[in-house]
Amino acid sequence: MRILIHTGHDNLKEDTLLTSEGEGAVETARNSKEERFRLPGSSYQELVKIIRAYGSLDKEAGPVEVGNVAVVHFTIVSRNNAFLVAIGVIEGGQKKMATEKGRALARALDHDMPDAIQLNWREIVLANEFLLQLVTAVRIRKGMEPSTLQAHVAYSAGMPKNPGVMAGAGAVVDILTAAGLVKEEGGKLVVTNAERMPDQITSETAASVEGAPARTPSSTTILPGSRIPESGLAVTIQIQVQCTANEIDGLGPKLRTLLREITGAAASQEPKDTQ
């Protein structure tokens, strides 16, 4: 079980990771298929055609129909479907259709509206743990060459290095750029406004991008911002609980104990009334 506490403020940042007894800090296995992230199966340009095609259809459609609309071979649609499902752009079974966020992105792409394209891609990236970890990797390294980031995408996804995978990895790099989260500077891709990245980028995420996947949070509790009298800073404490199904039964008492300790510490900081 893991409990990740993240406090965020412009001038005050602290990350604490508590692990249950006997559990390693980060799992390192990345060989099973279940841990692989399905990358796009083509270039960014072809991916855009497919997204636009899904956005133009008002019903579920198979690869052949989508391919006809996008003017690409249906096998290219099939190779990209898993990725588009993973990032929440499309949904469905054998036949699929665009989600609400997928349609919003498709409209922006269809009308070639740069600001709307960036906004929609950014929303998608920030909602996806794998893509967010890639941004963190660039930030940690203080920039990466495009080819290095492309290789890192393939490695992090647990995929073999071949032309098809590398094309998909390149599409992911293009998505991060289109989202305005990374930009080219001095021959490297660097994170834009790194200090304003969301709270999802935590110390655990930073560790996981080095080659081990982070576990999906089972629940998140946000405590109201509390004010520190000495500095007047408003601090928001975010607690992410990551555990297995077998650990849920004993989760309540541990959380209550943790919350009492946090609130008790905050109370001790309050100035005492003087008469």
Protein backbone atom coordinates (compact mmCIF):
# COMPACT_ATOMS: atom_id res chain seq x y z
CA MET A 1 0.00 0.00 0.00
CA ARG A 2 1.20 3.52 -0.74
CA ILE A 3 0.01 6.85 0.61
CA LEU A 4 1.38 9.80 -1.31
CA ILE A 5 1.04 13.21 0.33
CA HIS A 6 1.60 16.22 -1.88
CA THR A 7 1.43 19.80 -0.65
CA GLY A 8 1.43 22.47 -3.27
CA HIS A 9 1.97 26.23 -3.21
CA ASP A 10 3.88 28.59 -5.46
CA ASN A 11 6.56 29.03 -2.78
CA LEU A 12 6.14 25.80 -0.82
CA LYS A 13 6.31 22.30 -2.28
CA GLU A 14 6.76 19.03 -0.43
CA ASP A 15 6.22 15.41 -1.46
CA THR A 16 6.17 12.53 1.00
CA LEU A 17 5.79 8.88 0.01
CA LEU A 18 4.80 6.38 2.68
CA THR A 19 4.99 2.68 1.79
CA SER A 20 3.62 -0.27 3.71
CA GLU A 21 6.12 -2.45 5.55
CA GLY A 22 8.09 -4.77 3.32
CA GLU A 23 7.01 -3.16 0.05
CA GLY A 24 9.64 -1.76 -2.30
CA ALA A 25 9.57 1.89 -3.33
CA VAL A 26 8.87 1.23 -6.99
CA GLU A 27 8.16 -1.96 -8.89
CA THR A 28 10.63 -2.57 -11.68
CA ALA A 29 8.90 -5.25 -13.72
CA ARG A 30 7.90 -4.07 -17.16
CA ASN A 31 7.92 -7.20 -19.25
CA SER A 32 4.33 -8.42 -19.18
CA LYS A 33 1.88 -7.40 -21.87
CA GLU A 34 -0.50 -6.03 -19.22
CA GLU A 35 2.03 -3.30 -18.42
CA ARG A 36 2.54 -2.20 -22.00
CA PHE A 37 1.04 1.06 -23.18
CA ARG A 38 -0.33 0.85 -26.70
CA LEU A 39 1.32 3.54 -28.79
CA PRO A 40 -0.15 4.99 -31.98
CA GLY A 41 0.34 2.80 -35.03
CA SER A 42 1.23 5.58 -37.44
CA SER A 43 2.43 9.17 -37.72
CA TYR A 44 0.77 12.14 -36.05
CA GLN A 45 -0.59 13.30 -39.41
CA GLU A 46 -2.43 10.01 -39.99
CA LEU A 47 -3.62 9.98 -36.38
CA VAL A 48 -5.16 13.41 -36.92
CA LYS A 49 -7.02 12.12 -40.01
CA ILE A 50 -8.48 9.26 -37.98
CA ILE A 51 -9.54 11.53 -35.11
CA ARG A 52 -11.24 13.88 -37.55
CA ALA A 53 -13.00 10.95 -39.19
CA TYR A 54 -14.35 9.66 -35.87
CA GLY A 55 -15.49 13.17 -35.00
CA SER A 56 -17.48 13.44 -38.22
CA LEU A 57 -19.44 10.24 -37.56
CA ASP A 58 -22.49 10.34 -35.30
CA LYS A 59 -22.63 6.60 -34.69
CA GLU A 60 -20.34 3.69 -33.90
CA ALA A 61 -18.24 2.62 -36.86
CA GLY A 62 -15.73 -0.06 -37.76
CA PRO A 63 -12.22 0.45 -39.14
CA VAL A 64 -13.37 0.14 -42.77
CA GLU A 65 -15.96 2.92 -42.47
CA VAL A 66 -13.61 5.17 -40.52
CA GLY A 67 -10.84 4.47 -43.01
CA ASN A 68 -13.08 5.47 -45.90
CA VAL A 69 -13.87 8.79 -44.24
CA ALA A 70 -10.23 9.43 -43.25
CA VAL A 71 -8.95 8.24 -46.64
CA VAL A 72 -6.51 5.82 -45.02
CA HIS A 73 -6.37 2.04 -45.13
CA PHE A 74 -8.57 0.36 -42.52
CA THR A 75 -5.53 -1.43 -41.05
CA ILE A 76 -4.07 1.96 -40.10
CA VAL A 77 -7.30 2.74 -38.23
CA SER A 78 -7.09 -0.59 -36.42
CA ARG A 79 -3.48 0.03 -35.39
CA ASN A 80 -4.42 3.35 -33.79
CA ASN A 81 -7.68 2.39 -32.08
CA ALA A 82 -6.10 1.00 -28.91
CA PHE A 83 -4.15 4.22 -28.35
CA LEU A 84 -7.18 6.41 -28.99
CA VAL A 85 -9.21 4.36 -26.52
CA ALA A 86 -6.42 4.59 -23.93
CA ILE A 87 -6.33 8.39 -24.06
CA GLY A 88 -10.12 8.72 -24.05
CA VAL A 89 -10.65 9.99 -27.59
CA ILE A 90 -12.85 7.08 -28.72
CA GLU A 91 -14.80 4.34 -26.97
CA GLY A 92 -16.78 1.22 -27.79
CA GLY A 93 -16.35 -2.44 -28.69
CA GLN A 94 -15.68 -3.80 -32.17
CA LYS A 95 -17.24 -0.61 -33.49
CA LYS A 96 -16.24 2.64 -31.89
CA MET A 97 -17.22 6.30 -31.79
CA ALA A 98 -15.72 9.54 -30.53
CA THR A 99 -16.09 10.53 -26.90
CA GLU A 100 -17.07 14.06 -25.91
CA LYS A 101 -13.42 15.10 -25.57
CA GLY A 102 -12.66 13.29 -28.83
CA ARG A 103 -15.29 15.30 -30.67
CA ALA A 104 -14.00 18.54 -29.19
CA LEU A 105 -10.48 17.70 -30.39
CA ALA A 106 -11.78 16.63 -33.80
CA ARG A 107 -13.64 19.93 -34.24
CA ALA A 108 -10.52 21.90 -33.36
CA LEU A 109 -8.42 19.84 -35.81
CA ASP A 110 -11.08 20.07 -38.51
CA HIS A 111 -11.19 23.87 -38.31
CA ASP A 112 -7.40 24.16 -37.84
CA MET A 113 -7.72 26.27 -34.68
CA PRO A 114 -4.26 26.24 -32.98
CA ASP A 115 -5.39 27.46 -29.56
CA ALA A 116 -8.29 25.00 -29.39
CA ILE A 117 -6.07 22.16 -30.62
CA GLN A 118 -3.51 22.91 -27.93
CA LEU A 119 -6.16 23.19 -25.22
CA ASN A 120 -7.84 19.90 -26.13
CA TRP A 121 -4.58 17.97 -26.48
CA ARG A 122 -3.37 19.38 -23.17
CA GLU A 123 -6.52 18.23 -21.41
CA ILE A 124 -6.05 14.74 -22.84
CA VAL A 125 -2.36 14.53 -21.89
CA LEU A 126 -2.90 15.78 -18.34
CA ALA A 127 -5.62 13.16 -17.82
CA ASN A 128 -3.39 10.28 -18.94
CA GLU A 129 -0.79 8.95 -16.50
CA PHE A 130 1.56 7.55 -19.14
CA LEU A 131 1.67 10.75 -21.19
CA LEU A 132 2.06 12.83 -18.06
CA GLN A 133 5.05 10.74 -17.00
CA LEU A 134 6.74 11.53 -20.30
CA VAL A 135 6.43 15.25 -19.60
CA THR A 136 7.92 14.62 -16.17
CA ALA A 137 10.84 12.74 -17.75
CA VAL A 138 11.65 15.76 -19.90
CA ARG A 139 11.41 18.06 -16.89
CA ILE A 140 13.67 15.89 -14.73
CA ARG A 141 16.34 15.75 -17.41
CA LYS A 142 16.02 19.50 -18.06
CA GLY A 143 15.32 18.77 -21.71
CA MET A 144 15.80 15.86 -24.12
CA GLU A 145 16.74 15.66 -27.76
CA PRO A 146 13.72 14.73 -29.92
CA SER A 147 15.25 11.39 -30.93
CA THR A 148 16.08 10.58 -27.29
CA LEU A 149 12.54 11.37 -26.17
CA GLN A 150 11.17 9.28 -29.03
CA ALA A 151 13.26 6.30 -27.89
CA HIS A 152 12.23 6.92 -24.28
CA VAL A 153 8.55 6.81 -25.28
CA ALA A 154 9.00 3.38 -26.90
CA TYR A 155 11.02 2.08 -23.94
CA SER A 156 8.55 3.37 -21.35
CA ALA A 157 5.69 1.76 -23.26
CA GLY A 158 7.50 -1.57 -23.07
CA MET A 159 7.52 -1.91 -26.84
CA PRO A 160 10.30 -3.27 -29.08
CA LYS A 161 12.30 -0.87 -31.19
CA ASN A 162 11.09 -1.23 -34.77
CA PRO A 163 9.97 1.25 -37.47
CA GLY A 164 6.26 0.97 -36.62
CA VAL A 165 6.78 1.50 -32.90
CA MET A 166 9.17 4.40 -33.46
CA ALA A 167 6.65 6.07 -35.78
CA GLY A 168 4.06 5.82 -33.03
CA ALA A 169 6.54 7.11 -30.47
CA GLY A 170 7.20 10.07 -32.75
CA ALA A 171 3.46 10.72 -32.90
CA VAL A 172 3.38 10.85 -29.10
CA VAL A 173 6.20 13.39 -29.09
CA ASP A 174 4.22 15.45 -31.60
CA ILE A 175 1.17 15.25 -29.31
CA LEU A 176 3.15 16.59 -26.35
CA THR A 177 4.35 19.43 -28.56
CA ALA A 178 0.87 20.12 -29.94
CA ALA A 179 -0.40 20.25 -26.34
CA GLY A 180 2.10 23.03 -25.63
CA LEU A 181 3.62 21.03 -22.78
CA VAL A 182 7.04 20.72 -24.43
CA LYS A 183 8.76 22.99 -26.91
CA GLU A 184 12.00 22.95 -28.87
CA GLU A 185 14.73 25.13 -27.42
CA GLY A 186 18.40 24.96 -28.33
CA GLY A 187 18.02 21.67 -30.15
CA LYS A 188 16.23 20.04 -27.22
CA LEU A 189 12.65 19.58 -26.17
CA VAL A 190 12.02 21.27 -22.83
CA VAL A 191 8.95 21.53 -20.62
CA THR A 192 7.03 24.78 -20.89
CA ASN A 193 6.09 26.51 -17.62
CA ALA A 194 7.37 23.54 -15.60
CA GLU A 195 6.68 25.36 -12.36
CA ARG A 196 2.99 25.51 -13.24
CA MET A 197 2.53 21.82 -14.03
CA PRO A 198 -0.39 20.19 -12.18
CA ASP A 199 -0.18 18.28 -8.90
CA GLN A 200 -0.32 14.93 -10.72
CA ILE A 201 3.43 15.31 -11.35
CA THR A 202 4.68 14.06 -7.99
CA SER A 203 7.81 12.47 -6.66
CA GLU A 204 6.37 9.01 -7.36
CA THR A 205 5.59 9.92 -10.96
CA ALA A 206 9.11 11.24 -11.30
CA ALA A 207 10.52 7.93 -10.06
CA SER A 208 8.30 5.85 -12.32
CA VAL A 209 9.45 7.50 -15.53
CA GLU A 210 12.91 6.07 -14.99
CA GLY A 211 11.60 2.69 -16.15
CA ALA A 212 8.95 1.45 -13.72
CA PRO A 213 5.20 2.04 -14.00
CA ALA A 214 3.33 3.89 -11.29
CA ARG A 215 0.29 2.19 -9.77
CA THR A 216 -3.09 3.75 -10.41
CA PRO A 217 -4.46 5.62 -7.38
CA SER A 218 -7.47 3.83 -5.93
CA SER A 219 -8.77 7.01 -4.34
CA THR A 220 -7.81 10.61 -3.78
CA THR A 221 -8.69 12.82 -0.83
CA ILE A 222 -8.25 16.57 -0.99
CA LEU A 223 -8.03 18.40 2.31
CA PRO A 224 -9.16 22.05 2.45
CA GLY A 225 -6.37 24.58 2.29
CA SER A 226 -5.11 25.51 5.72
CA ARG A 227 -3.38 28.77 6.53
CA ILE A 228 0.00 28.94 8.21
CA PRO A 229 -0.17 32.04 10.47
CA GLU A 230 3.55 32.84 10.38
CA SER A 231 3.72 33.18 6.61
CA GLY A 232 0.11 33.62 5.57
CA LEU A 233 0.51 30.94 2.91
CA ALA A 234 -2.48 28.86 1.87
CA VAL A 235 -1.42 25.23 1.55
CA THR A 236 -3.48 22.53 -0.14
CA ILE A 237 -2.72 18.98 0.94
CA GLN A 238 -3.48 16.20 -1.53
CA ILE A 239 -3.45 12.60 -0.37
CA GLN A 240 -3.34 9.83 -2.98
CA VAL A 241 -3.97 6.34 -1.67
CA GLN A 242 -2.61 3.51 -3.78
CA CYS A 243 -3.42 0.00 -2.65
CA THR A 244 -4.52 -3.41 -3.80
CA ALA A 245 -8.03 -4.79 -3.32
CA ASN A 246 -6.82 -6.94 -0.41
CA GLU A 247 -5.57 -3.87 1.45
CA ILE A 248 -8.84 -1.91 1.30
CA ASP A 249 -10.29 -3.47 4.49
CA GLY A 250 -7.58 -1.99 6.69
CA LEU A 251 -7.41 1.31 4.82
CA GLY A 252 -9.93 3.29 6.88
CA PRO A 253 -8.15 3.20 10.27
CA LYS A 254 -4.80 4.06 8.68
CA LEU A 255 -6.29 7.06 6.86
CA ARG A 256 -8.07 8.29 9.98
CA THR A 257 -4.83 8.06 11.95
CA LEU A 258 -2.97 9.93 9.22
CA LEU A 259 -5.60 12.68 9.02
CA ARG A 260 -5.57 13.11 12.80
CA GLU A 261 -1.80 13.52 12.72
CA ILE A 262 -2.01 16.08 9.92
CA THR A 263 -4.81 18.11 11.50
CA GLY A 264 -3.09 17.87 14.89
CA ALA A 265 0.12 19.23 13.42
CA ALA A 266 -1.81 22.09 11.78
CA ALA A 267 -3.54 22.90 15.05
CA SER A 268 -0.21 23.08 16.88
CA GLN A 269 0.91 25.77 14.44
CA GLU A 270 -1.99 28.09 15.33
CA PRO A 271 -1.07 31.00 17.63
CA LYS A 272 -2.49 30.81 21.14
CA ASP A 273 -4.76 33.61 22.32
CA THR A 274 -3.07 35.98 24.71
CA GLN A 275 -5.06 37.94 27.19
